[in-house]
Protein backbone atom coordinates (compact mmCIF):
# COMPACT_ATOMS: atom_id res chain seq x y z
CA UNK A 1 12.31 5.49 -13.38
CA UNK A 2 9.27 7.74 -13.20
CA UNK A 3 8.47 9.32 -9.87
CA UNK A 4 5.37 11.27 -8.93
CA UNK A 5 5.28 13.43 -5.80
CA UNK A 6 2.30 14.77 -3.96
CA UNK A 7 1.99 16.62 -0.65
CA UNK A 8 -1.01 16.02 1.60
CA UNK A 9 -1.84 18.50 4.35
CA UNK A 10 -4.20 16.39 6.48
CA UNK A 11 -5.24 12.83 7.19
CA UNK A 12 -8.36 13.46 5.10
CA UNK A 13 -6.25 14.42 2.07
CA UNK A 14 -4.19 11.25 2.45
CA UNK A 15 -7.39 9.19 2.71
CA UNK A 16 -8.86 10.92 -0.36
CA UNK A 17 -5.69 10.14 -2.31
CA UNK A 18 -5.90 6.48 -1.28
CA UNK A 19 -9.56 6.40 -2.37
CA UNK A 20 -8.66 7.88 -5.77
CA UNK A 21 -6.09 5.13 -6.28
CA UNK A 22 -8.62 2.53 -5.13
CA UNK A 23 -11.00 3.69 -7.88
CA UNK A 24 -8.39 2.48 -10.41
CA UNK A 25 -7.80 -0.87 -8.70
CA UNK A 26 -7.53 -4.11 -10.64
CA UNK A 27 -7.11 -7.78 -9.71
CA UNK A 28 -3.58 -8.68 -8.56
CA UNK A 29 -2.69 -5.03 -7.86
CA UNK A 30 0.25 -4.71 -5.47
CA UNK A 31 0.89 -1.50 -3.50
CA UNK A 32 4.07 -1.20 -1.44
CA UNK A 33 4.08 1.36 1.39
CA UNK A 34 7.25 2.55 3.07
CA UNK A 35 7.86 5.30 5.59
CA UNK A 36 8.69 5.90 9.22
CA UNK A 37 6.45 4.80 12.08
CA UNK A 38 3.42 7.09 12.22
CA UNK A 39 3.87 8.39 8.68
CA UNK A 40 0.44 7.18 7.55
CA UNK A 41 0.90 3.74 5.96
CA UNK A 42 -2.01 2.19 7.84
CA UNK A 43 -4.07 5.36 7.37
CA UNK A 44 -3.53 5.09 3.59
CA UNK A 45 -4.56 1.42 3.74
CA UNK A 46 -7.69 2.27 5.73
CA UNK A 47 -8.71 4.89 3.16
CA UNK A 48 -8.16 2.43 0.31
CA UNK A 49 -10.03 -0.34 2.14
CA UNK A 50 -12.94 1.95 3.05
CA UNK A 51 -13.41 2.74 -0.65
CA UNK A 52 -13.57 -1.05 -1.26
CA UNK A 53 -16.36 -1.33 1.29
CA UNK A 54 -14.11 -2.62 4.11
CA UNK A 55 -14.36 -0.72 7.39
CA UNK A 56 -12.61 -2.64 10.13
CA UNK A 57 -8.95 -2.39 9.11
CA UNK A 58 -6.48 -2.84 11.93
CA UNK A 59 -2.71 -2.85 11.69
CA UNK A 60 -1.59 -6.43 11.02
CA UNK A 61 1.61 -5.94 13.01
CA UNK A 62 1.36 -9.20 14.92
CA UNK A 63 -0.31 -11.39 12.29
CA UNK A 64 1.74 -10.15 9.29
CA UNK A 65 -1.12 -10.83 6.83
CA UNK A 66 -4.78 -9.96 7.24
CA UNK A 67 -7.42 -10.79 4.63
CA UNK A 68 -10.55 -8.72 4.10
CA UNK A 69 -13.47 -9.33 1.77
CA UNK A 70 -14.49 -6.22 -0.19
CA UNK A 71 -15.28 -5.63 -3.86
CA UNK A 72 -12.06 -7.60 -4.29
CA UNK A 73 -10.14 -9.41 -1.58
CA UNK A 74 -7.71 -7.12 0.23
CA UNK A 75 -4.51 -8.67 1.54
CA UNK A 76 -2.98 -6.25 4.03
CA UNK A 77 0.55 -7.14 5.11
CA UNK A 78 2.92 -5.62 7.61
CA UNK A 79 6.30 -7.27 7.13
CA UNK A 80 8.17 -5.11 9.65
CA UNK A 81 8.86 -8.07 11.96
CA UNK A 82 9.67 -10.57 9.22
CA UNK A 83 13.41 -10.01 9.47
CA UNK A 84 13.42 -11.11 13.09
CA UNK A 85 11.22 -14.15 12.55
CA UNK A 86 12.60 -14.89 9.08
CA UNK A 87 9.85 -17.42 8.47
CA UNK A 88 8.57 -18.48 5.07
CA UNK A 89 4.94 -17.39 4.98
CA UNK A 90 4.20 -17.55 1.26
CA UNK A 91 3.77 -13.83 0.64
CA UNK A 92 4.29 -14.27 -3.10
CA UNK A 93 1.26 -16.57 -3.29
CA UNK A 94 -0.97 -13.57 -2.58
CA UNK A 95 0.16 -11.59 -5.64
CA UNK A 96 -1.92 -13.59 -8.12
CA UNK A 97 -5.01 -14.46 -6.10
CA UNK A 98 -7.09 -11.82 -7.87
CA UNK A 99 -7.20 -9.41 -4.96
CA UNK A 100 -5.32 -6.26 -3.99
CA UNK A 101 -2.18 -6.66 -1.89
CA UNK A 102 -0.97 -3.74 0.24
CA UNK A 103 2.39 -4.30 1.91
CA UNK A 104 3.60 -2.02 4.69
CA UNK A 105 7.40 -1.89 5.18
CA UNK A 106 7.87 -3.58 1.78
CA UNK A 107 11.54 -2.49 1.72
CA UNK A 108 12.10 -5.40 4.14
CA UNK A 109 11.18 -7.96 1.45
CA UNK A 110 12.48 -6.28 -1.72
CA UNK A 111 13.76 -9.60 -3.06
CA UNK A 112 10.28 -11.15 -3.21
CA UNK A 113 8.25 -8.17 -4.45
CA UNK A 114 6.56 -8.64 -7.82
CA UNK A 115 8.19 -6.99 -10.82
CA UNK A 116 5.07 -4.87 -11.46
CA UNK A 117 3.92 -2.85 -8.45
CA UNK A 118 3.25 0.64 -7.13
CA UNK A 119 5.71 1.82 -4.49
CA UNK A 120 4.69 4.70 -2.25
CA UNK A 121 7.23 6.29 0.08
CA UNK A 122 5.60 8.45 2.76
CA UNK A 123 7.70 11.08 4.51
CA UNK A 124 6.60 13.07 7.55
CA UNK A 125 7.02 16.81 6.96
CA UNK A 126 5.19 17.97 10.07
CA UNK A 127 2.30 16.86 12.26
CA UNK A 128 -0.27 16.99 9.44
CA UNK A 129 1.81 17.24 6.26
CA UNK A 130 3.11 14.24 4.33
CA UNK A 131 5.14 13.93 1.16
CA UNK A 132 4.17 10.86 -0.87
CA UNK A 133 6.49 9.69 -3.64
CA UNK A 134 4.94 7.22 -6.07
CA UNK A 135 7.21 4.97 -8.13
CA UNK A 136 5.28 2.83 -10.63
CA UNK A 137 6.80 -0.41 -11.91
CA UNK A 138 4.87 -1.44 -15.02
CA UNK A 139 2.54 0.31 -17.47
CA UNK A 140 -0.69 -0.25 -15.50
CA UNK A 141 0.78 1.48 -12.46
CA UNK A 142 2.28 4.29 -14.54
CA UNK A 143 -1.16 4.95 -16.08
CA UNK A 144 -2.75 5.14 -12.61
CA UNK A 145 -0.12 7.68 -11.50
CA UNK A 146 -0.66 9.78 -14.61
CA UNK A 147 -4.44 9.76 -14.16
CA UNK A 148 -4.48 10.55 -10.46
CA UNK A 149 -1.40 12.55 -9.58
């Protein structure tokens, strides 16, 4: 499995990275974000969304799925609480709606993730520094990693 690592040294660098990935977006793209609380998952999503022309991203912690209209639809999911509620909310239905799906805490739902996806693990190094490990599943995602990272 290919892995690509990048270190960002500020929130702005993380946002710029998200915007670079957004520039390669395609319908039905799925990005899975994992990392500790405060590592920058929502920040990454905000940067990506901003590049799509969406400005008012909030963490979907209590709604699980939020939908935003941009150049493509953006489906922003935070599945952190799913284990506790264990409800069937049709997450898989979003994968082929022609939008971009970004899933925070996707490790919680590994069994229903699509086969082709981009997984990004964010680790906190210090207050401003993050290590992002990209694992592409599928050729389209591998090409994006090779172009951008």
